[in-house]
Amino acid sequence: MDAIVLTAGKGTRLLPLTKHLPKPLFPIAGKPLLCNILDSFSEKISRVIIVVGHEKKQIIARINKESYPFEIVWVTQKEQKGTGHAIQLCKHLVTSNPFFMMYGDIFTSRTTIQNIINYPLSTKNVNGVIATFEVDAPEKYGCLETINEKLVHIWEKQPDPPSRFINAGLMIIPEEIFTILEKLEESDRGEIELTDGINKLVQAGKPFGFYEIDDYWIDTGYPWDLLSANALGLKQIRRDSKILPVAGVTIEGPVEISDSAVLRPGTFIQGPVVIDEDAVVGPNSFIRSGTYIGKNVRIGNAVEIKNSIILDGTTIGHLSYVGDSIIGSMCNFGAGTKVANLKLDNGLISMQIQGNRVDSGKRKLGTIMGDNVKTGINVSIMPGICIGENSLIGAHTLISTNIPPNSLSYYEPETGRVILKENK
């Protein structure tokens, strides 16, 4: 069976994280999101067609470093004209009927992916199947209307949805979809929507079943979703380290630590945790559960990291705290930099995303920081703050609002204000 994976999107809601790192390559438990998907395919898959766009060269180069038991073919979507358009581009390459399709920003279990691929279409008397997942806010998604274990209609972002079960972004689709997509008109968003094509298939007498996911499922649309996916991915680690690699280092729970990583005395690691190649941790540091430490990262003396993702080449200076945060690559924290992750009233934390205030649904959320940010000593960052790439933050500065990229922020003692300037 052929598989199509859609990865052409820009991931704009994840900025500044996706400024230089495309979403499919974002590390989840130390492995790129796209690799997590490809590793989950069953033996039934013989060819994978990956639709790329944003940062396609970087994606292709990274995936080509891996070895898979199936052929990989690349298709470029030059313009973002929707999921249906992306599927259309693959028509000349698909040789199986039906074929498997998955959105490339979904994080779910190997079991779920394989159960969809191996779904018994003939036994269920259907031509296709769509995965569905129950959520608390179905009005934010494409929602499924079903009857007698079959799909009736997919309703996109309705204020009064017919159910709490949404389109989970994994499907088995018959080849007739290509003919239908060719005739579809653009949606109000100016896109060819795959879900419109599925609705047309059902109306044309090609019934679809549905598979209810009873395992984990995350749409990695927002920065905090990456943290949730990372925490779930780390929980799949089963390696329980019993050997202390250095005298004075304590490890509890499952961990994966690169052979080239250095753990200095006094370090306490509370798994699940992944520490990647050539990272240096300690002395006297506390790495708490849910944390991924990237390649060539330096965690200094008496630093605490909790439930966070620290990307490659970053240095967290001594006496610092980072909780429930994503720190971009090549950042440098001055000594005593603190990231707050909890409001005094214990309320839910919201974040400004593309000009809109979005509720994260989380009580604990620190900072989302772009690449190459530098902080001076004793900087404090309030919960839910986004800091753009290439920014400089002066010593003793309290950051309580989002910081744009390429900026300089510093505390001015004479006025008691934080000054924000362009970093030239």
Protein backbone atom coordinates (compact mmCIF):
# COMPACT_ATOMS: atom_id res chain seq x y z
CA MET A 1 0.00 0.00 0.00
CA ASP A 2 1.15 3.56 -0.74
CA ALA A 3 1.11 6.22 1.96
CA ILE A 4 0.94 10.00 1.63
CA VAL A 5 2.23 12.25 4.40
CA LEU A 6 1.44 15.97 4.20
CA THR A 7 4.26 18.17 5.55
CA ALA A 8 4.24 21.29 3.35
CA GLY A 9 2.82 23.77 5.87
CA LYS A 10 4.83 26.64 7.35
CA GLY A 11 3.76 26.11 10.96
CA THR A 12 3.20 29.84 11.49
CA ARG A 13 1.42 29.37 14.82
CA LEU A 14 4.64 27.83 16.15
CA LEU A 15 6.78 30.87 15.36
CA PRO A 16 9.50 31.69 16.31
CA LEU A 17 10.31 27.97 16.67
CA THR A 18 9.66 27.26 12.97
CA LYS A 19 11.55 30.27 11.63
CA HIS A 20 14.46 28.03 10.64
CA LEU A 21 13.36 24.58 11.84
CA PRO A 22 10.39 23.13 9.91
CA LYS A 23 7.71 21.54 12.05
CA PRO A 24 8.24 17.99 10.67
CA LEU A 25 11.81 18.09 12.04
CA PHE A 26 10.93 19.38 15.48
CA PRO A 27 12.27 16.88 18.04
CA ILE A 28 9.69 14.88 19.97
CA ALA A 29 11.46 12.81 22.64
CA GLY A 30 14.68 13.36 20.72
CA LYS A 31 13.38 12.25 17.32
CA PRO A 32 11.95 14.47 14.53
CA LEU A 33 8.16 14.42 14.42
CA LEU A 34 8.22 13.07 10.85
CA CYS A 35 10.57 10.25 11.86
CA ASN A 36 8.16 9.28 14.64
CA ILE A 37 5.49 8.88 11.95
CA LEU A 38 7.63 6.96 9.46
CA ASP A 39 8.94 4.63 12.17
CA SER A 40 5.34 3.64 12.93
CA PHE A 41 4.39 2.37 9.48
CA SER A 42 3.62 -1.33 9.20
CA GLU A 43 5.06 -3.79 6.69
CA LYS A 44 1.98 -3.22 4.56
CA ILE A 45 3.40 0.14 3.42
CA SER A 46 5.71 -0.23 0.40
CA ARG A 47 6.01 3.39 -0.73
CA VAL A 48 5.69 6.72 1.09
CA ILE A 49 4.98 9.94 -0.79
CA ILE A 50 5.93 12.95 1.31
CA VAL A 51 4.53 16.32 0.26
CA VAL A 52 6.93 19.11 1.20
CA GLY A 53 7.04 22.88 0.80
CA HIS A 54 8.46 25.09 3.55
CA GLU A 55 12.16 24.29 4.17
CA LYS A 56 11.87 21.25 1.92
CA LYS A 57 15.63 20.88 1.38
CA GLN A 58 16.19 20.63 5.12
CA ILE A 59 13.44 18.02 5.50
CA ILE A 60 14.68 15.91 2.59
CA ALA A 61 18.29 16.02 3.78
CA ARG A 62 17.34 14.93 7.30
CA ILE A 63 15.05 12.07 6.27
CA ASN A 64 17.58 10.81 3.73
CA LYS A 65 19.91 10.11 6.64
CA GLU A 66 17.50 7.44 7.86
CA SER A 67 16.97 3.93 6.50
CA TYR A 68 13.42 2.67 5.96
CA PRO A 69 12.05 -0.59 4.51
CA PHE A 70 9.98 1.32 1.97
CA GLU A 71 10.60 3.68 -0.94
CA ILE A 72 10.31 7.42 -0.25
CA VAL A 73 9.18 9.79 -3.01
CA TRP A 74 9.14 13.57 -2.63
CA VAL A 75 6.48 15.91 -4.02
CA THR A 76 6.69 19.70 -3.77
CA GLN A 77 3.63 21.82 -3.04
CA LYS A 78 4.86 25.23 -4.19
CA GLU A 79 1.72 27.07 -3.12
CA GLN A 80 -0.28 26.34 0.01
CA LYS A 81 -3.60 25.58 -1.66
CA GLY A 82 -4.96 23.12 0.86
CA THR A 83 -4.84 19.45 1.79
CA GLY A 84 -6.92 18.43 -1.22
CA HIS A 85 -4.49 20.18 -3.55
CA ALA A 86 -1.59 18.39 -1.85
CA ILE A 87 -3.28 15.02 -2.48
CA GLN A 88 -3.92 15.96 -6.12
CA LEU A 89 -0.20 16.49 -6.63
CA CYS A 90 0.38 12.82 -5.78
CA LYS A 91 -2.06 11.37 -8.33
CA HIS A 92 0.60 10.31 -10.84
CA LEU A 93 2.59 8.51 -8.11
CA VAL A 94 -0.08 6.55 -6.26
CA THR A 95 -0.24 2.94 -7.45
CA SER A 96 -2.39 1.33 -4.73
CA ASN A 97 -6.13 1.46 -4.33
CA PRO A 98 -6.87 2.45 -1.62
CA PHE A 99 -3.98 4.40 -0.10
CA PHE A 100 -3.12 5.64 3.40
CA MET A 101 -2.95 9.38 4.17
CA MET A 102 -1.75 11.20 7.27
CA TYR A 103 -1.23 14.82 8.25
CA GLY A 104 2.43 15.29 9.12
CA ASP A 105 1.81 17.33 12.26
CA ILE A 106 -0.08 14.63 14.16
CA PHE A 107 1.57 12.82 17.05
CA THR A 108 -0.05 9.54 17.93
CA SER A 109 0.93 6.00 18.78
CA ARG A 110 2.40 3.34 16.53
CA THR A 111 -0.60 1.15 17.41
CA THR A 112 -3.06 3.77 16.18
CA ILE A 113 -1.23 4.29 12.88
CA GLN A 114 -0.97 0.57 12.20
CA ASN A 115 -4.59 -0.06 13.12
CA ILE A 116 -5.67 2.46 10.48
CA ILE A 117 -3.33 1.01 7.85
CA ASN A 118 -4.62 -2.50 8.57
CA TYR A 119 -8.29 -1.54 8.92
CA PRO A 120 -10.52 -4.34 7.51
CA LEU A 121 -12.37 -2.40 4.81
CA SER A 122 -14.01 -5.42 3.19
CA THR A 123 -15.19 -6.88 6.47
CA LYS A 124 -16.72 -3.53 7.43
CA ASN A 125 -18.19 -3.13 3.91
CA VAL A 126 -16.65 0.32 3.40
CA ASN A 127 -14.37 1.92 0.78
CA GLY A 128 -12.37 4.01 3.22
CA VAL A 129 -11.88 4.84 6.87
CA ILE A 130 -11.19 7.99 8.85
CA ALA A 131 -9.61 8.13 12.31
CA THR A 132 -11.47 10.13 14.92
CA PHE A 133 -10.67 11.39 18.40
CA GLU A 134 -12.95 12.75 21.11
CA VAL A 135 -12.10 16.30 22.26
CA ASP A 136 -13.56 18.84 24.67
CA ALA A 137 -13.79 21.65 22.07
CA PRO A 138 -14.90 20.04 18.78
CA GLU A 139 -15.93 23.43 17.35
CA LYS A 140 -12.22 24.13 16.72
CA TYR A 141 -11.87 21.15 14.37
CA GLY A 142 -13.53 19.27 11.55
CA CYS A 143 -16.21 17.28 13.35
CA LEU A 144 -17.70 13.92 12.31
CA GLU A 145 -21.36 13.18 11.90
CA THR A 146 -21.87 9.41 11.89
CA ILE A 147 -24.62 6.83 11.88
CA ASN A 148 -24.54 3.02 12.15
CA GLU A 149 -20.72 3.00 12.35
CA LYS A 150 -20.37 4.93 9.08
CA LEU A 151 -19.42 8.50 8.22
CA VAL A 152 -22.25 10.81 7.15
CA HIS A 153 -20.44 14.16 6.89
CA ILE A 154 -17.40 16.10 8.11
CA TRP A 155 -18.42 19.53 9.39
CA GLU A 156 -15.60 22.10 9.51
CA LYS A 157 -15.40 24.25 12.64
CA GLN A 158 -19.10 24.49 13.38
CA PRO A 159 -20.32 26.50 16.41
CA ASP A 160 -22.76 23.70 17.24
CA PRO A 161 -21.02 20.48 16.12
CA PRO A 162 -23.00 17.22 15.91
CA SER A 163 -20.53 15.33 18.12
CA ARG A 164 -17.27 15.62 20.05
CA PHE A 165 -15.46 13.35 17.60
CA ILE A 166 -13.13 15.09 15.17
CA ASN A 167 -11.17 14.33 12.02
CA ALA A 168 -7.89 13.03 13.47
CA GLY A 169 -5.92 13.35 10.22
CA LEU A 170 -5.39 9.65 9.37
CA MET A 171 -7.37 7.98 6.59
CA ILE A 172 -7.57 5.15 4.11
CA ILE A 173 -8.86 6.68 0.85
CA PRO A 174 -10.00 5.07 -2.43
CA GLU A 175 -8.52 6.27 -5.73
CA GLU A 176 -11.81 7.90 -6.77
CA ILE A 177 -10.80 10.85 -4.58
CA PHE A 178 -8.53 12.15 -7.36
CA THR A 179 -11.42 12.56 -9.82
CA ILE A 180 -13.53 14.30 -7.20
CA LEU A 181 -10.76 16.69 -6.14
CA GLU A 182 -10.25 17.79 -9.75
CA LYS A 183 -13.84 19.05 -9.83
CA LEU A 184 -13.94 20.67 -6.38
CA GLU A 185 -14.28 24.43 -6.02
CA GLU A 186 -12.06 26.31 -3.60
CA SER A 187 -13.34 26.81 -0.06
CA ASP A 188 -13.87 30.19 1.58
CA ARG A 189 -10.20 30.00 2.57
CA GLY A 190 -9.23 29.76 -1.10
CA GLU A 191 -8.12 26.15 -0.73
CA ILE A 192 -9.02 22.72 -2.08
CA GLU A 193 -10.15 20.90 1.05
CA LEU A 194 -9.61 17.15 1.36
CA THR A 195 -12.58 16.91 3.75
CA ASP A 196 -14.87 18.36 1.05
CA GLY A 197 -13.64 15.59 -1.23
CA ILE A 198 -14.35 12.93 1.41
CA ASN A 199 -17.89 14.29 1.82
CA LYS A 200 -18.40 14.07 -1.95
CA LEU A 201 -17.14 10.47 -1.95
CA VAL A 202 -19.65 9.52 0.74
CA GLN A 203 -22.46 11.24 -1.15
CA ALA A 204 -21.44 9.33 -4.31
CA GLY A 205 -21.98 6.01 -2.57
CA LYS A 206 -18.45 5.29 -1.38
CA PRO A 207 -19.04 4.62 2.33
CA PHE A 208 -16.41 5.44 4.95
CA GLY A 209 -16.05 3.79 8.31
CA PHE A 210 -14.43 5.45 11.28
CA TYR A 211 -11.84 4.30 13.80
CA GLU A 212 -12.06 5.80 17.28
CA ILE A 213 -8.59 6.43 18.72
CA ASP A 214 -8.46 5.22 22.31
CA ASP A 215 -4.76 6.05 22.73
CA TYR A 216 -3.03 9.43 22.78
CA TRP A 217 -3.42 11.91 19.89
CA ILE A 218 -2.04 15.44 19.60
CA ASP A 219 -2.38 18.00 16.82
CA THR A 220 0.87 19.95 17.20
CA GLY A 221 -0.63 23.26 16.12
CA TYR A 222 0.54 25.39 19.04
CA PRO A 223 3.83 25.54 20.97
CA TRP A 224 2.37 23.96 24.11
CA ASP A 225 1.19 21.02 21.99
CA LEU A 226 4.86 20.27 21.26
CA LEU A 227 5.51 20.11 25.00
CA SER A 228 2.57 17.74 25.46
CA ALA A 229 3.74 15.54 22.58
CA ASN A 230 7.29 15.50 23.94
CA ALA A 231 6.10 14.45 27.40
CA LEU A 232 4.01 11.63 25.91
CA GLY A 233 6.84 10.52 23.66
CA LEU A 234 9.23 10.38 26.59
CA LYS A 235 6.80 8.17 28.48
CA GLN A 236 7.33 5.51 25.81
CA ILE A 237 10.95 5.13 26.94
CA ARG A 238 11.40 1.80 28.66
CA ARG A 239 15.12 1.89 29.34
CA ASP A 240 15.67 2.23 33.08
CA SER A 241 19.26 3.31 33.70
CA LYS A 242 20.76 1.46 36.64
CA ILE A 243 24.42 2.38 36.13
CA LEU A 244 25.77 5.69 37.37
CA PRO A 245 27.99 6.96 34.56
CA VAL A 246 29.88 9.27 36.93
CA ALA A 247 30.37 9.06 40.67
CA GLY A 248 27.90 11.36 42.37
CA VAL A 249 25.34 11.30 39.53
CA THR A 250 21.86 10.02 40.44
CA ILE A 251 19.41 8.70 37.85
CA GLU A 252 15.84 7.66 38.58
CA GLY A 253 13.39 6.29 36.04
CA PRO A 254 13.72 5.69 32.30
CA VAL A 255 16.32 7.77 30.47
CA GLU A 256 18.15 7.78 27.15
CA ILE A 257 21.57 9.38 27.41
CA SER A 258 23.97 9.61 24.48
CA ASP A 259 27.34 7.94 24.94
CA SER A 260 28.98 11.25 24.09
CA ALA A 261 27.05 13.25 26.71
CA VAL A 262 28.86 14.32 29.87
CA LEU A 263 27.18 14.22 33.28
CA ARG A 264 29.10 15.98 36.01
CA PRO A 265 29.02 15.12 39.74
CA GLY A 266 26.00 16.15 41.76
CA THR A 267 23.63 15.91 38.80
CA PHE A 268 20.19 14.40 39.54
CA ILE A 269 18.13 13.14 36.58
CA GLN A 270 14.49 12.20 37.10
CA GLY A 271 13.22 10.33 34.04
CA PRO A 272 11.74 10.11 31.57
CA VAL A 273 14.47 12.27 30.05
CA VAL A 274 16.50 12.23 26.83
CA ILE A 275 19.97 13.80 26.71
CA ASP A 276 21.41 13.99 23.20
CA GLU A 277 24.90 13.90 21.72
CA ASP A 278 27.74 15.95 23.23
CA ALA A 279 25.51 17.62 25.82
CA VAL A 280 27.16 18.59 29.12
CA VAL A 281 25.06 18.67 32.29
CA GLY A 282 26.15 19.87 35.72
CA PRO A 283 27.65 19.87 38.17
CA ASN A 284 24.82 19.87 40.71
CA SER A 285 22.01 20.22 38.16
CA PHE A 286 18.47 18.84 38.45
CA ILE A 287 16.92 17.55 35.20
CA ARG A 288 13.29 16.75 35.85
CA SER A 289 10.88 14.51 33.97
CA GLY A 290 9.53 15.44 30.55
CA THR A 291 12.77 17.07 29.40
CA TYR A 292 14.70 16.75 26.16
CA ILE A 293 18.21 18.21 26.07
CA GLY A 294 19.51 18.62 22.53
CA LYS A 295 22.89 18.17 20.92
CA ASN A 296 25.81 20.25 22.24
CA VAL A 297 23.64 21.82 24.95
CA ARG A 298 25.38 23.07 28.09
CA ILE A 299 23.48 22.97 31.39
CA GLY A 300 25.52 24.80 34.04
CA ASN A 301 26.05 24.49 37.76
CA ALA A 302 22.94 24.33 39.97
CA VAL A 303 20.47 24.63 37.07
CA GLU A 304 16.98 23.12 37.20
CA ILE A 305 15.17 22.10 33.99
CA LYS A 306 11.61 20.77 34.16
CA ASN A 307 9.35 19.44 31.39
CA SER A 308 11.13 21.44 28.71
CA ILE A 309 12.74 21.15 25.28
CA ILE A 310 16.21 22.66 24.96
CA LEU A 311 17.33 22.75 21.32
CA ASP A 312 20.83 22.24 19.94
CA GLY A 313 23.77 24.38 20.95
CA THR A 314 22.06 26.31 23.76
CA THR A 315 23.74 27.17 27.06
CA ILE A 316 21.77 27.57 30.27
CA GLY A 317 24.05 29.41 32.70
CA HIS A 318 24.46 28.51 36.36
CA LEU A 319 21.75 29.15 38.97
CA SER A 320 18.99 29.29 36.33
CA TYR A 321 15.52 27.74 36.21
CA VAL A 322 13.58 26.69 33.08
CA GLY A 323 10.16 25.09 33.42
CA ASP A 324 7.52 24.03 30.86
CA SER A 325 9.35 25.88 28.10
CA ILE A 326 10.84 25.48 24.64
CA ILE A 327 14.22 27.13 24.17
CA GLY A 328 15.51 27.53 20.61
CA SER A 329 18.95 26.63 19.33
CA MET A 330 22.14 28.58 20.07
CA CYS A 331 20.60 30.57 22.93
CA ASN A 332 22.65 31.69 25.93
CA PHE A 333 21.21 32.26 29.41
CA GLY A 334 23.17 34.50 31.75
CA ALA A 335 23.59 33.28 35.31
CA GLY A 336 20.44 33.44 37.39
CA THR A 337 17.97 33.63 34.50
CA LYS A 338 14.57 32.43 35.75
CA VAL A 339 11.56 31.38 33.68
CA ALA A 340 8.27 31.55 35.60
CA ASN A 341 5.73 28.89 34.62
CA LEU A 342 2.84 29.42 37.07
CA LYS A 343 0.55 32.39 37.76
CA LEU A 344 -0.04 33.50 41.34
CA ASP A 345 -3.75 32.75 41.00
CA ASN A 346 -3.04 29.27 39.55
CA GLY A 347 -5.13 30.24 36.53
CA LEU A 348 -4.80 28.98 32.97
CA ILE A 349 -2.06 30.64 30.94
CA SER A 350 -2.75 32.25 27.57
CA MET A 351 -0.27 33.30 24.91
CA GLN A 352 -0.33 35.85 22.10
CA ILE A 353 -0.31 33.90 18.81
CA GLN A 354 -0.43 35.77 15.49
CA GLY A 355 -2.06 38.77 17.12
CA ASN A 356 -4.67 36.78 19.03
CA ARG A 357 -4.72 35.82 22.71
CA VAL A 358 -5.03 32.01 22.81
CA ASP A 359 -5.80 30.01 25.93
CA SER A 360 -3.25 27.21 26.27
CA GLY A 361 -5.48 25.22 28.62
CA LYS A 362 -2.44 24.78 30.86
CA ARG A 363 -1.75 25.98 34.37
CA LYS A 364 1.97 25.67 33.82
CA LEU A 365 3.62 27.20 30.77
CA GLY A 366 6.91 29.07 30.66
CA THR A 367 8.48 30.73 27.64
CA ILE A 368 8.64 29.94 23.92
CA MET A 369 12.00 31.27 22.75
CA GLY A 370 13.41 31.53 19.24
CA ASP A 371 16.97 30.81 18.15
CA ASN A 372 20.03 32.81 19.16
CA VAL A 373 18.48 34.69 22.10
CA LYS A 374 20.84 35.94 24.80
CA THR A 375 19.94 37.00 28.33
CA GLY A 376 22.06 38.86 30.86
CA ILE A 377 22.37 37.85 34.49
CA ASN A 378 19.28 37.65 36.71
CA VAL A 379 16.73 38.07 33.93
CA SER A 380 13.17 37.05 34.88
CA ILE A 381 10.65 35.88 32.27
CA MET A 382 6.96 35.72 33.15
CA PRO A 383 4.64 32.80 32.17
CA GLY A 384 3.35 32.49 28.61
CA ILE A 385 5.90 34.81 27.02
CA CYS A 386 7.15 34.44 23.45
CA ILE A 387 10.64 35.78 22.67
CA GLY A 388 11.64 36.25 19.04
CA GLU A 389 14.88 35.04 17.51
CA ASN A 390 18.14 37.02 17.70
CA SER A 391 16.96 39.05 20.70
CA LEU A 392 19.12 40.42 23.49
CA ILE A 393 17.79 40.92 27.03
CA GLY A 394 19.85 43.00 29.44
CA ALA A 395 20.75 42.09 32.99
CA HIS A 396 18.11 42.34 35.77
CA THR A 397 15.27 42.80 33.26
CA LEU A 398 11.73 41.54 33.92
CA ILE A 399 10.07 40.35 30.70
CA SER A 400 6.29 40.47 31.00
CA THR A 401 5.27 40.97 27.35
CA ASN A 402 6.20 39.26 24.11
CA ILE A 403 9.55 40.30 22.65
CA PRO A 404 9.80 40.72 18.86
CA PRO A 405 12.69 39.21 16.92
CA ASN A 406 15.95 41.10 16.43
CA SER A 407 15.33 43.35 19.44
CA LEU A 408 17.17 44.66 22.49
CA SER A 409 15.36 44.82 25.84
CA TYR A 410 16.87 46.22 29.01
CA TYR A 411 15.89 47.67 32.37
CA GLU A 412 16.47 51.43 32.74
CA PRO A 413 17.06 52.22 36.44
CA GLU A 414 16.42 55.96 36.04
CA THR A 415 12.82 55.46 34.88
CA GLY A 416 12.10 51.99 36.21
CA ARG A 417 10.94 50.95 32.76
CA VAL A 418 11.91 48.20 30.36
CA ILE A 419 13.23 49.74 27.14
CA LEU A 420 12.68 47.91 23.86
CA LYS A 421 14.81 48.77 20.83
CA GLU A 422 15.78 47.24 17.52
CA ASN A 423 18.89 45.10 17.80
CA LYS A 424 21.02 46.49 14.98
